[in-house]
Protein backbone atom coordinates (compact mmCIF):
# COMPACT_ATOMS: atom_id res chain seq x y z
CA MET A 1 -37.03 -33.51 -36.07
CA ASP A 2 -37.07 -36.83 -34.21
CA PHE A 3 -37.64 -37.22 -30.46
CA ASN A 4 -33.96 -37.19 -29.52
CA GLU A 5 -33.31 -34.00 -31.45
CA ARG A 6 -36.44 -32.35 -30.06
CA LEU A 7 -35.49 -33.26 -26.50
CA ALA A 8 -31.90 -32.07 -26.96
CA SER A 9 -33.10 -28.73 -28.32
CA LEU A 10 -35.87 -28.23 -25.75
CA PHE A 11 -34.28 -25.22 -24.04
CA ILE A 12 -33.35 -22.10 -25.98
CA ALA A 13 -31.21 -18.97 -25.67
CA GLU A 14 -32.48 -15.81 -23.96
CA ASN A 15 -32.77 -13.95 -27.26
CA ASP A 16 -34.97 -16.69 -28.70
CA ILE A 17 -37.69 -16.25 -26.07
CA PRO A 18 -40.72 -14.65 -27.76
CA GLU A 19 -40.99 -10.98 -26.88
CA ALA A 20 -44.50 -11.36 -25.47
CA PHE A 21 -43.33 -13.86 -22.87
CA ARG A 22 -40.10 -12.28 -21.70
CA ILE A 23 -39.95 -11.23 -18.08
CA ASP A 24 -37.95 -8.66 -16.15
CA GLU A 25 -36.22 -9.87 -13.03
CA VAL A 26 -38.30 -9.12 -9.93
CA ARG A 27 -36.34 -8.15 -6.84
CA GLN A 28 -38.92 -8.06 -4.08
CA GLU A 29 -37.62 -5.60 -1.51
CA TYR A 30 -40.97 -4.94 0.17
CA PHE A 31 -43.66 -7.07 1.79
CA LEU A 32 -47.00 -6.29 3.39
CA LEU A 33 -46.97 -6.26 7.18
CA ASP A 34 -49.31 -4.41 9.54
CA GLY A 35 -50.75 -2.13 6.91
CA THR A 36 -47.47 -0.99 5.35
CA MET A 37 -45.13 -2.22 2.66
CA ARG A 38 -42.13 -3.04 4.84
CA LYS A 39 -38.70 -2.63 3.23
CA TRP A 40 -36.39 -5.61 3.70
CA ASP A 41 -32.67 -5.11 4.18
CA GLY A 42 -31.71 -8.69 5.00
CA PRO A 43 -30.86 -11.74 2.86
CA PHE A 44 -32.82 -12.70 -0.23
CA GLN A 45 -33.72 -16.04 -1.83
CA ASP A 46 -33.12 -16.27 -5.56
CA VAL A 47 -36.03 -17.57 -7.63
CA LEU A 48 -34.90 -19.85 -10.45
CA SER A 49 -37.35 -20.88 -13.13
CA PRO A 50 -37.63 -24.55 -14.15
CA VAL A 51 -36.92 -23.21 -17.66
CA TYR A 52 -33.24 -23.50 -18.53
CA ILE A 53 -31.52 -21.03 -20.82
CA LYS A 54 -28.67 -21.77 -23.23
CA THR A 55 -25.59 -19.73 -22.27
CA ASP A 56 -21.88 -19.72 -23.05
CA LYS A 57 -21.46 -21.83 -19.90
CA GLY A 58 -24.08 -24.36 -20.93
CA LEU A 59 -27.68 -24.73 -19.77
CA GLN A 60 -28.56 -22.68 -16.69
CA LYS A 61 -31.85 -22.07 -14.89
CA LYS A 62 -33.17 -18.61 -15.65
CA LYS A 63 -33.19 -16.35 -12.60
CA ILE A 64 -36.49 -14.46 -12.52
CA GLY A 65 -36.22 -12.69 -9.19
CA SER A 66 -35.65 -12.87 -5.45
CA TYR A 67 -37.72 -12.48 -2.29
CA PRO A 68 -36.95 -11.73 1.40
CA VAL A 69 -35.73 -14.46 3.73
CA CYS A 70 -37.27 -13.12 6.93
CA THR A 71 -36.74 -14.44 10.43
CA GLU A 72 -38.78 -15.37 13.48
CA ALA A 73 -38.71 -11.70 14.49
CA GLU A 74 -40.64 -10.57 11.40
CA ALA A 75 -43.01 -13.52 11.74
CA ALA A 76 -43.71 -12.51 15.35
CA GLN A 77 -44.42 -8.94 14.22
CA ALA A 78 -46.85 -10.22 11.60
CA LEU A 79 -48.58 -12.36 14.21
CA GLU A 80 -48.97 -9.43 16.57
CA ALA A 81 -50.36 -7.32 13.73
CA ALA A 82 -53.02 -9.94 12.98
CA VAL A 83 -53.78 -10.43 16.70
CA SER A 84 -54.11 -6.67 17.14
CA ALA A 85 -56.42 -6.36 14.13
CA TRP A 86 -58.54 -9.18 15.57
CA ASN A 87 -58.43 -7.57 19.05
CA ASP A 88 -60.24 -10.44 20.74
CA GLY A 89 -63.12 -10.11 18.29
CA ARG A 90 -63.48 -6.35 18.90
CA GLY A 91 -61.38 -5.20 15.95
CA ASP A 92 -62.60 -3.04 13.11
CA TRP A 93 -62.59 -5.89 10.57
CA PRO A 94 -64.36 -8.66 12.55
CA THR A 95 -67.07 -6.28 13.70
CA ARG A 96 -67.79 -4.76 10.29
CA SER A 97 -71.00 -5.55 8.47
CA VAL A 98 -71.03 -8.33 5.90
CA GLU A 99 -71.91 -5.75 3.27
CA ASN A 100 -68.83 -3.69 4.10
CA ARG A 101 -66.49 -6.69 4.02
CA ILE A 102 -67.91 -7.71 0.65
CA ALA A 103 -67.23 -4.21 -0.68
CA CYS A 104 -63.57 -4.51 0.38
CA VAL A 105 -63.20 -7.85 -1.38
CA GLU A 106 -64.81 -6.40 -4.51
CA THR A 107 -62.34 -3.51 -4.43
CA PHE A 108 -59.45 -5.95 -4.12
CA THR A 109 -60.72 -8.05 -7.02
CA ARG A 110 -60.92 -5.06 -9.34
CA LYS A 111 -57.33 -4.15 -8.46
CA MET A 112 -56.24 -7.78 -8.84
CA ILE A 113 -57.62 -7.95 -12.37
CA GLN A 114 -55.41 -5.01 -13.31
CA LYS A 115 -52.38 -7.19 -12.44
CA LYS A 116 -53.50 -10.16 -14.53
CA GLU A 117 -50.79 -10.21 -17.20
CA GLU A 118 -47.96 -9.74 -14.72
CA THR A 119 -49.31 -12.43 -12.40
CA VAL A 120 -49.96 -14.93 -15.20
CA LYS A 121 -46.42 -14.59 -16.56
CA LEU A 122 -44.99 -15.13 -13.08
CA ILE A 123 -47.07 -18.30 -12.65
CA MET A 124 -45.74 -19.56 -15.98
CA TRP A 125 -42.09 -18.74 -15.27
CA GLU A 126 -42.05 -19.82 -11.62
CA ILE A 127 -43.65 -23.25 -11.84
CA GLY A 128 -43.49 -24.11 -15.54
CA LYS A 129 -47.26 -24.13 -16.01
CA SER A 130 -48.29 -23.46 -19.60
CA TYR A 131 -49.29 -19.88 -20.33
CA ALA A 132 -52.77 -21.07 -21.30
CA ASP A 133 -53.24 -22.95 -18.03
CA ALA A 134 -51.76 -20.08 -15.99
CA THR A 135 -54.30 -17.77 -17.60
CA LYS A 136 -57.10 -20.21 -16.78
CA GLU A 137 -55.90 -20.35 -13.18
CA PHE A 138 -56.10 -16.57 -12.85
CA ASP A 139 -59.53 -16.36 -14.48
CA ARG A 140 -60.86 -19.23 -12.40
CA THR A 141 -59.63 -17.50 -9.24
CA VAL A 142 -61.47 -14.29 -10.11
CA ALA A 143 -64.62 -16.31 -10.85
CA TYR A 144 -64.22 -18.08 -7.49
CA ILE A 145 -64.02 -14.76 -5.63
CA TYR A 146 -67.22 -13.49 -7.23
CA ALA A 147 -68.94 -16.82 -6.56
CA THR A 148 -67.88 -16.54 -2.90
CA ILE A 149 -69.37 -13.05 -2.70
CA ASP A 150 -72.66 -14.29 -4.17
CA ALA A 151 -72.73 -17.26 -1.80
CA LEU A 152 -72.17 -15.03 1.22
CA LYS A 153 -74.92 -12.66 0.09
CA ASN A 154 -77.33 -15.58 -0.16
CA LEU A 155 -76.26 -16.89 3.24
CA ASP A 156 -76.68 -13.47 4.82
CA ARG A 157 -80.11 -12.99 3.26
CA GLU A 158 -81.24 -16.25 4.83
CA ALA A 159 -80.02 -15.01 8.21
CA SER A 160 -81.53 -11.55 7.97
CA GLY A 161 -84.66 -12.47 9.92
CA PHE A 162 -85.44 -13.81 13.40
CA GLU A 163 -86.41 -17.29 14.48
CA ILE A 164 -88.94 -17.74 17.29
CA THR A 165 -89.29 -21.05 19.10
CA GLU A 166 -90.76 -21.88 22.51
CA GLY A 167 -91.07 -18.24 23.43
CA VAL A 168 -87.45 -17.43 22.58
CA GLY A 169 -86.45 -15.21 19.68
CA ALA A 170 -83.03 -15.35 18.06
CA GLN A 171 -81.04 -14.12 15.13
CA ILE A 172 -78.50 -16.67 13.93
CA ARG A 173 -75.57 -15.56 11.80
CA ARG A 174 -72.04 -16.66 11.11
CA SER A 175 -69.15 -14.95 12.87
CA PRO A 176 -65.37 -15.18 12.33
CA LEU A 177 -62.99 -17.43 14.22
CA GLY A 178 -59.91 -15.25 14.74
CA VAL A 179 -56.36 -15.35 13.40
CA VAL A 180 -55.83 -17.62 10.40
CA LEU A 181 -52.49 -19.02 9.24
CA CYS A 182 -52.84 -19.69 5.51
CA MET A 183 -50.35 -21.71 3.46
CA GLY A 184 -51.00 -22.57 -0.16
CA PRO A 185 -49.50 -25.12 -2.59
CA TYR A 186 -47.09 -24.60 -5.46
CA ASN A 187 -49.10 -26.42 -8.12
CA TYR A 188 -52.02 -23.96 -7.97
CA PRO A 189 -50.26 -21.15 -6.09
CA LEU A 190 -52.94 -18.57 -6.86
CA ASN A 191 -56.19 -20.49 -7.19
CA GLU A 192 -55.96 -23.02 -4.37
CA THR A 193 -54.42 -20.44 -2.06
CA PHE A 194 -57.28 -18.03 -2.69
CA THR A 195 -59.93 -20.72 -2.18
CA THR A 196 -58.99 -20.55 1.50
CA LEU A 197 -57.60 -17.02 1.83
CA ILE A 198 -60.61 -15.18 0.36
CA PRO A 199 -63.30 -17.01 2.39
CA ALA A 200 -61.23 -16.52 5.54
CA LEU A 201 -60.94 -12.79 4.84
CA ILE A 202 -64.51 -12.13 3.79
CA MET A 203 -65.84 -13.80 6.94
CA GLY A 204 -63.98 -11.29 9.14
CA ASN A 205 -60.87 -13.21 10.17
CA THR A 206 -57.38 -11.69 10.17
CA LEU A 207 -54.64 -13.46 8.24
CA LEU A 208 -51.02 -14.52 8.13
CA PHE A 209 -50.21 -15.71 4.63
CA LYS A 210 -47.08 -17.64 3.72
CA PRO A 211 -46.65 -18.05 -0.05
CA PRO A 212 -45.37 -21.44 -1.27
CA LYS A 213 -41.68 -22.09 -1.90
CA TYR A 214 -42.38 -22.41 -5.63
CA GLY A 215 -44.89 -19.85 -6.85
CA ASN A 216 -43.78 -17.17 -4.44
CA LEU A 217 -43.09 -14.08 -6.55
CA LEU A 218 -46.47 -14.13 -8.28
CA HIS A 219 -48.12 -12.80 -5.10
CA TYR A 220 -45.91 -9.71 -5.03
CA PRO A 221 -47.88 -7.73 -7.65
CA LEU A 222 -51.05 -8.27 -5.59
CA GLN A 223 -49.74 -6.94 -2.27
CA GLU A 224 -50.50 -3.31 -3.11
CA ALA A 225 -54.06 -4.38 -3.91
CA PHE A 226 -54.36 -6.03 -0.50
CA LEU A 227 -52.86 -2.95 1.17
CA GLU A 228 -55.32 -0.58 -0.52
CA SER A 229 -58.39 -2.79 0.01
CA PHE A 230 -58.25 -3.96 3.63
CA PRO A 231 -57.69 -2.30 7.03
CA LYS A 232 -54.33 -2.31 8.76
CA GLY A 233 -53.16 -5.69 9.99
CA VAL A 234 -55.97 -7.70 8.41
CA ILE A 235 -53.61 -9.51 6.04
CA ASN A 236 -49.87 -9.92 6.61
CA PHE A 237 -47.35 -11.73 4.42
CA LEU A 238 -44.81 -14.16 5.84
CA TYR A 239 -41.51 -14.73 4.07
CA GLY A 240 -38.70 -17.02 5.08
CA ARG A 241 -38.10 -20.73 5.54
CA GLY A 242 -41.16 -22.44 6.92
CA SER A 243 -39.13 -24.57 9.33
CA ASP A 244 -37.72 -21.36 10.84
CA ILE A 245 -40.75 -19.11 11.10
CA ILE A 246 -43.85 -21.32 11.41
CA PRO A 247 -43.15 -23.30 14.63
CA GLY A 248 -42.98 -20.12 16.73
CA LEU A 249 -46.34 -19.00 15.38
CA MET A 250 -47.96 -22.30 16.29
CA HIS A 251 -46.27 -22.49 19.71
CA SER A 252 -47.69 -19.05 20.53
CA GLY A 253 -51.18 -20.49 20.77
CA LYS A 254 -52.50 -17.36 19.05
CA ILE A 255 -53.38 -19.08 15.76
CA ASN A 256 -57.07 -19.94 15.71
CA VAL A 257 -57.26 -21.58 12.27
CA LEU A 258 -54.62 -23.50 10.33
CA THR A 259 -55.35 -23.82 6.63
CA LEU A 260 -52.85 -25.76 4.58
CA ILE A 261 -52.92 -27.35 1.16
CA GLY A 262 -49.92 -29.65 1.22
CA SER A 263 -48.70 -32.81 2.86
CA SER A 264 -50.37 -34.64 5.74
CA LYS A 265 -46.96 -35.06 7.40
CA VAL A 266 -46.44 -31.29 7.59
CA ALA A 267 -50.02 -30.72 8.78
CA ASN A 268 -49.65 -33.27 11.56
CA GLU A 269 -46.42 -31.68 12.79
CA LEU A 270 -47.91 -28.19 12.79
CA LYS A 271 -51.01 -29.22 14.71
CA LYS A 272 -48.87 -30.90 17.38
CA GLN A 273 -47.00 -27.64 17.95
CA HIS A 274 -50.13 -25.76 19.02
CA PRO A 275 -50.50 -25.72 22.83
CA LYS A 276 -54.29 -25.41 22.79
CA VAL A 277 -55.38 -28.09 20.37
CA ASN A 278 -59.10 -27.73 21.11
CA ARG A 279 -58.90 -24.05 20.16
CA LEU A 280 -57.30 -24.77 16.80
CA ARG A 281 -59.50 -25.43 13.80
CA ALA A 282 -57.80 -27.07 10.82
CA VAL A 283 -58.94 -26.72 7.21
CA LEU A 284 -56.64 -28.98 5.22
CA GLY A 285 -56.29 -30.25 1.66
CA LEU A 286 -53.66 -32.94 1.76
CA ASP A 287 -52.22 -35.95 -0.08
CA ALA A 288 -54.07 -38.21 -2.50
CA LYS A 289 -53.44 -41.32 -4.59
CA ASN A 290 -56.56 -41.20 -6.70
CA ALA A 291 -57.24 -44.36 -8.67
CA ALA A 292 -58.80 -44.86 -12.08
CA ILE A 293 -60.62 -48.16 -12.51
CA VAL A 294 -60.97 -49.43 -16.07
CA THR A 295 -63.43 -52.33 -16.10
CA GLY A 296 -64.01 -54.94 -18.75
CA ASN A 297 -67.13 -53.04 -19.85
CA VAL A 298 -65.48 -49.83 -20.95
CA ASP A 299 -65.63 -47.27 -23.73
CA MET A 300 -61.89 -47.37 -24.27
CA SER A 301 -61.54 -44.17 -26.28
CA LEU A 302 -63.39 -42.21 -23.61
CA ALA A 303 -61.39 -43.82 -20.79
CA VAL A 304 -58.06 -43.03 -22.49
CA LYS A 305 -59.04 -39.42 -23.10
CA GLU A 306 -60.17 -38.83 -19.53
CA ILE A 307 -57.30 -40.70 -17.87
CA LEU A 308 -54.77 -38.86 -20.02
CA ALA A 309 -56.12 -35.51 -18.83
CA GLY A 310 -56.63 -36.78 -15.30
CA SER A 311 -53.15 -38.25 -14.86
CA LEU A 312 -50.95 -35.87 -16.85
CA SER A 313 -52.50 -32.39 -16.86
CA PHE A 314 -49.81 -30.06 -15.51
CA ASN A 315 -47.49 -33.06 -15.57
CA GLY A 316 -49.54 -34.92 -12.95
CA GLN A 317 -48.76 -32.26 -10.34
CA ARG A 318 -52.29 -32.02 -8.98
CA CYS A 319 -53.66 -33.43 -5.74
CA THR A 320 -56.71 -34.52 -7.75
CA ALA A 321 -54.60 -36.23 -10.43
CA LEU A 322 -55.19 -39.89 -11.22
CA LYS A 323 -52.01 -41.40 -9.78
CA ILE A 324 -52.65 -45.12 -10.30
CA VAL A 325 -54.69 -46.92 -12.96
CA TRP A 326 -56.29 -50.30 -12.35
CA VAL A 327 -57.17 -52.06 -15.63
CA HIS A 328 -59.09 -55.30 -15.99
CA ARG A 329 -56.61 -57.80 -17.36
CA SER A 330 -58.81 -58.49 -20.38
CA LYS A 331 -58.43 -54.84 -21.42
CA ALA A 332 -54.83 -54.20 -20.34
CA ASP A 333 -53.10 -54.58 -23.72
CA GLU A 334 -55.72 -52.48 -25.47
CA PHE A 335 -55.51 -49.75 -22.85
CA LEU A 336 -51.70 -49.62 -22.83
CA ALA A 337 -51.48 -49.36 -26.60
CA ALA A 338 -54.14 -46.65 -26.85
CA PHE A 339 -52.85 -44.72 -23.86
CA SER A 340 -49.24 -44.77 -25.08
CA ALA A 341 -50.37 -43.55 -28.49
CA ALA A 342 -52.35 -40.73 -26.86
CA ILE A 343 -49.29 -39.57 -24.93
CA ALA A 344 -47.16 -39.66 -28.08
CA ALA A 345 -49.67 -37.39 -29.80
CA CYS A 346 -49.33 -34.72 -27.10
CA LYS A 347 -46.97 -31.80 -27.49
CA PHE A 348 -44.09 -31.22 -25.11
CA GLY A 349 -42.04 -28.06 -24.86
CA LEU A 350 -41.72 -24.71 -23.13
CA PRO A 351 -44.64 -23.17 -21.24
CA TRP A 352 -45.41 -20.38 -23.71
CA GLU A 353 -45.73 -22.68 -26.72
CA PRO A 354 -49.31 -23.04 -27.99
CA ASP A 355 -51.11 -26.31 -27.20
CA VAL A 356 -48.17 -27.59 -25.11
CA MET A 357 -49.10 -30.41 -22.70
CA PHE A 358 -45.86 -31.44 -20.99
CA THR A 359 -43.54 -28.77 -19.57
CA PRO A 360 -40.50 -28.54 -17.21
CA LEU A 361 -40.95 -29.43 -13.53
CA PRO A 362 -40.33 -26.80 -10.80
CA GLU A 363 -39.19 -28.95 -7.86
CA ALA A 364 -35.46 -29.39 -7.29
CA GLY A 365 -34.56 -33.08 -7.17
CA LYS A 366 -37.83 -34.19 -8.76
CA ILE A 367 -36.24 -35.89 -11.76
CA ASP A 368 -34.02 -37.99 -9.49
CA TYR A 369 -37.07 -39.03 -7.46
CA LEU A 370 -39.05 -40.02 -10.55
CA ASN A 371 -36.10 -41.99 -11.93
CA ALA A 372 -35.75 -43.80 -8.61
CA CYS A 373 -39.44 -44.78 -8.63
CA VAL A 374 -39.19 -46.17 -12.16
CA ALA A 375 -35.93 -47.99 -11.39
CA ASP A 376 -37.56 -49.60 -8.35
CA ALA A 377 -40.50 -50.79 -10.46
CA ILE A 378 -38.23 -52.18 -13.21
CA GLU A 379 -36.14 -54.02 -10.64
CA LYS A 380 -39.31 -55.69 -9.36
CA GLY A 381 -40.64 -56.77 -12.75
CA ALA A 382 -42.33 -53.80 -14.45
CA LYS A 383 -41.45 -52.06 -17.70
CA VAL A 384 -41.85 -48.61 -19.18
CA VAL A 385 -44.25 -49.47 -21.97
CA ASN A 386 -44.57 -46.17 -23.88
CA GLU A 387 -41.90 -45.08 -26.33
CA ASN A 388 -39.43 -42.58 -24.82
CA GLY A 389 -41.14 -42.83 -21.44
CA GLY A 390 -38.92 -41.55 -18.64
CA ARG A 391 -36.51 -39.69 -20.91
CA SER A 392 -35.40 -36.41 -19.33
CA GLN A 393 -33.50 -33.22 -20.08
CA GLU A 394 -32.54 -31.10 -17.06
CA SER A 395 -35.92 -30.20 -15.45
CA PHE A 396 -38.05 -31.86 -18.14
CA TYR A 397 -39.35 -35.42 -17.75
CA TYR A 398 -41.26 -37.17 -20.51
CA PRO A 399 -44.24 -39.15 -19.12
CA ALA A 400 -43.62 -42.80 -18.32
CA VAL A 401 -46.33 -45.49 -18.34
CA VAL A 402 -45.17 -48.27 -16.03
CA TYR A 403 -46.69 -51.79 -16.21
CA PRO A 404 -47.39 -54.17 -14.53
CA VAL A 405 -47.16 -52.45 -11.14
CA ASN A 406 -47.66 -54.52 -7.98
CA SER A 407 -47.72 -54.06 -4.21
CA GLU A 408 -43.96 -54.54 -3.88
CA MET A 409 -43.25 -51.33 -5.76
CA ARG A 410 -43.06 -47.75 -4.52
CA LEU A 411 -45.38 -46.57 -7.31
CA TYR A 412 -48.14 -48.74 -5.88
CA HIS A 413 -48.11 -46.81 -2.59
CA GLU A 414 -46.41 -43.43 -2.99
CA GLU A 415 -48.03 -40.30 -4.39
CA GLN A 416 -45.54 -39.62 -7.19
CA PHE A 417 -46.93 -36.13 -7.96
CA GLY A 418 -45.37 -36.14 -11.38
CA PRO A 419 -45.63 -37.54 -14.92
CA ILE A 420 -45.53 -41.27 -14.17
CA VAL A 421 -48.64 -43.39 -14.72
CA PRO A 422 -48.52 -46.71 -12.83
CA VAL A 423 -50.86 -49.33 -14.32
CA VAL A 424 -52.00 -52.35 -12.31
CA PRO A 425 -53.80 -55.32 -13.92
CA TYR A 426 -56.63 -56.91 -11.96
CA ASP A 427 -58.91 -59.93 -12.36
CA ASP A 428 -61.42 -59.36 -9.58
CA TRP A 429 -63.06 -56.09 -8.47
CA GLU A 430 -62.36 -57.09 -4.86
CA GLU A 431 -58.61 -56.60 -5.49
CA VAL A 432 -59.20 -52.96 -6.34
CA LEU A 433 -61.60 -52.46 -3.47
CA GLN A 434 -59.14 -53.89 -0.97
CA TYR A 435 -56.40 -51.59 -2.29
CA LEU A 436 -58.62 -48.57 -1.70
CA ILE A 437 -59.58 -49.80 1.75
CA ASP A 438 -55.94 -50.28 2.76
CA ALA A 439 -54.70 -47.01 1.20
CA LYS A 440 -53.65 -44.11 3.44
CA TYR A 441 -55.62 -41.67 1.33
CA GLY A 442 -59.26 -41.30 0.35
CA GLN A 443 -59.92 -38.34 -1.87
CA GLN A 444 -61.44 -39.49 -5.19
CA VAL A 445 -61.74 -42.37 -7.61
CA SER A 446 -62.72 -42.55 -11.30
CA VAL A 447 -64.73 -45.53 -12.56
CA PHE A 448 -64.91 -46.36 -16.28
CA THR A 449 -67.73 -48.71 -17.23
CA ASN A 450 -70.84 -48.80 -19.42
CA ASP A 451 -72.57 -51.46 -17.31
CA ALA A 452 -75.20 -50.00 -14.99
CA THR A 453 -75.34 -53.09 -12.77
CA GLU A 454 -71.56 -53.09 -12.37
CA LEU A 455 -71.49 -49.35 -11.67
CA GLY A 456 -74.17 -49.54 -9.01
CA HIS A 457 -72.34 -52.41 -7.32
CA MET A 458 -69.13 -50.35 -7.22
CA ILE A 459 -70.61 -47.02 -6.12
CA ASP A 460 -72.09 -48.15 -2.80
CA PRO A 461 -68.81 -49.16 -1.11
CA LEU A 462 -66.71 -46.50 -2.87
CA VAL A 463 -68.65 -43.54 -1.47
CA ASN A 464 -67.77 -44.81 2.01
CA ILE A 465 -64.05 -45.03 1.18
CA VAL A 466 -63.44 -41.86 -0.84
CA SER A 467 -65.27 -38.55 -0.97
CA ARG A 468 -66.01 -38.34 -4.69
CA VAL A 469 -66.72 -41.03 -7.27
CA ASN A 470 -66.31 -39.82 -10.86
CA VAL A 471 -68.20 -41.82 -13.47
CA ASN A 472 -66.44 -42.08 -16.84
CA SER A 473 -64.53 -38.87 -16.11
CA GLN A 474 -61.27 -37.74 -14.58
CA ALA A 475 -60.90 -36.76 -10.95
CA GLN A 476 -61.07 -33.02 -10.38
CA ARG A 477 -61.88 -30.32 -7.89
CA GLY A 478 -64.58 -28.44 -9.80
CA PRO A 479 -67.15 -27.22 -10.29
CA ASP A 480 -66.25 -25.05 -7.29
CA VAL A 481 -69.79 -25.19 -5.88
CA PHE A 482 -69.35 -28.94 -5.29
CA PRO A 483 -67.87 -30.16 -1.98
CA PHE A 484 -64.11 -30.72 -2.08
CA THR A 485 -62.72 -32.87 0.69
CA GLY A 486 -61.26 -36.29 1.44
CA ARG A 487 -61.18 -39.15 3.89
CA LYS A 488 -58.28 -40.54 5.92
CA ASP A 489 -55.05 -38.56 5.30
CA SER A 490 -56.42 -36.68 2.29
CA ALA A 491 -58.21 -33.77 3.95
CA GLU A 492 -59.75 -32.22 7.03
CA GLY A 493 -62.79 -30.03 6.62
CA THR A 494 -64.70 -29.37 3.42
CA LEU A 495 -64.09 -26.72 0.80
CA SER A 496 -66.34 -25.38 -1.94
CA VAL A 497 -67.71 -21.92 -2.52
CA THR A 498 -70.30 -22.30 0.27
CA ASP A 499 -68.48 -24.84 2.46
CA ALA A 500 -65.39 -22.61 2.69
CA ILE A 501 -67.50 -19.78 4.10
CA ARG A 502 -68.72 -22.16 6.79
CA SER A 503 -65.24 -23.58 7.41
CA PHE A 504 -63.87 -20.15 8.32
CA SER A 505 -66.75 -19.11 10.56
CA ILE A 506 -69.02 -20.40 13.30
CA ARG A 507 -72.74 -20.03 13.89
CA SER A 508 -73.41 -17.41 16.55
CA LEU A 509 -76.73 -16.07 17.77
CA VAL A 510 -78.36 -13.36 19.79
CA ALA A 511 -81.28 -14.84 21.77
CA PHE A 512 -83.94 -13.24 23.97
CA LYS A 513 -87.15 -14.20 25.72
CA MET A 514 -90.15 -12.83 23.89
CA ASN A 515 -91.60 -10.17 26.19
CA ASP A 516 -92.50 -6.52 25.74
CA THR A 517 -89.25 -5.20 27.21
CA ASN A 518 -86.97 -7.35 25.10
CA THR A 519 -89.00 -6.85 21.93
CA LYS A 520 -88.81 -3.09 22.36
CA LEU A 521 -85.10 -3.25 23.09
CA ILE A 522 -84.29 -5.43 20.07
CA ASN A 523 -86.39 -3.22 17.77
CA GLU A 524 -84.53 -0.13 18.97
CA VAL A 525 -81.16 -1.74 18.19
CA VAL A 526 -82.30 -2.90 14.75
CA ASP A 527 -84.12 0.32 13.79
CA GLY A 528 -81.22 2.46 14.96
CA ASP A 529 -78.54 0.40 13.19
CA GLY A 530 -76.91 -0.11 16.58
CA SER A 531 -75.32 -3.43 15.64
CA ASN A 532 -73.78 -4.91 12.51
CA PHE A 533 -74.60 -8.43 13.71
CA LEU A 534 -78.15 -7.85 14.95
CA SER A 535 -79.63 -6.47 11.75
CA THR A 536 -82.38 -7.12 9.25
CA LYS A 537 -80.65 -5.37 6.37
CA PHE A 538 -80.98 -7.24 3.12
CA ILE A 539 -77.94 -7.37 0.81
CA PHE A 540 -78.80 -7.27 -2.89
């Protein structure tokens, strides 16, 4: 079957879907609010998969479920539930011991694992992620939770003693910040959401969680686990259109932490809506236009392999994706030929197919946007250099390698967040450096060279422009113990297993002058387990 035939037959009839990957329609009539599963009697939003189905009426997106479209009233109730559970820092959850909060998270994780197959299939159907990658996302999330628990145990062990300086004794621990508004992204709707949600919870904060527009239903199977694992009001789900329900929450001034993985434009607008800006802490993972730099001293096969994975894994829909490739002009033809051949060797198809690389895109209007970016580049002198690049069928878009891209084109500046790979030729390293200096974003860069002198010369300025320099490897978030952040409009705050714990808490201390009265008093509190904060208990 040639490419045209394969593309034309990409989508199949309902009866041709393999039995193991079929899914029953999920009508979500309940959502977690203030410790109960609240029944919703209002309007619902249909969830349409990016996978089209052949029908008697032609190709149609498969409906996989629906979820509540709540209003400002329900959002206000959720806010009051979280505020009440926080209770100005006096609530049950923020005053619990670290050991007790860890036990609750462990209980949740065990219940979450029981919902693995259901959650993985919903990830696959909702956002078009391959079944293999959806499974990896779930497993990585579970591993992240356990790593967070271990990191908190280590942190608490370090804080289990007292420091004495200049006649003053103190115990220094981390305490929660308050009410957290958590909003995750559609591309990693489980993993990246939980890399903020779980640290915020385990540190004693109370939460409002709004699932992403795409990747919404997959959180439904986990709500019972949240309900059964945490006290009333500690976590509350928000449903509805963000533009309708979020502004009121921010205007209330009762949100202490905003955590968002999304666009810098949205983050800026939300922060402006808060009336007490100095009270609001922001933990943000935002836009990126990560560059790959292919020098004249390169192992081409390695560079092609890494850039292929870095630019086109999950169709390039990753904030850490390589979204522009700078190639030394002396290597441009070689790179383009090898890279185009590597794309052609990759499998495209439906998400459940084994070894599939390229799958349908979830965002409505995305194909039109990608076509417009390519058309703009062609109008200004570029070409699609790989065979079949830019061909599409409904929600599916075959990767396009566009060359030579220049500063007049949209692809030079915009984060395309999709399967287009803009390639820019360069003669002088300073051209690339100036591009990175002028760029709005500063998350990561990948450098491909085998010359140690050249690499050293590049590293020193790059680490002051971006937050991670990858040597002969793709840009990525992991390992999760490494810092994950960005400069300029790419991030605010730092995330990793340990950094996230710190981001959702603040150092607090109990201090006392070292005299007989105070020493006796402190010992009585500690020996009598009178305080969860002032304690020398050691968590194993």
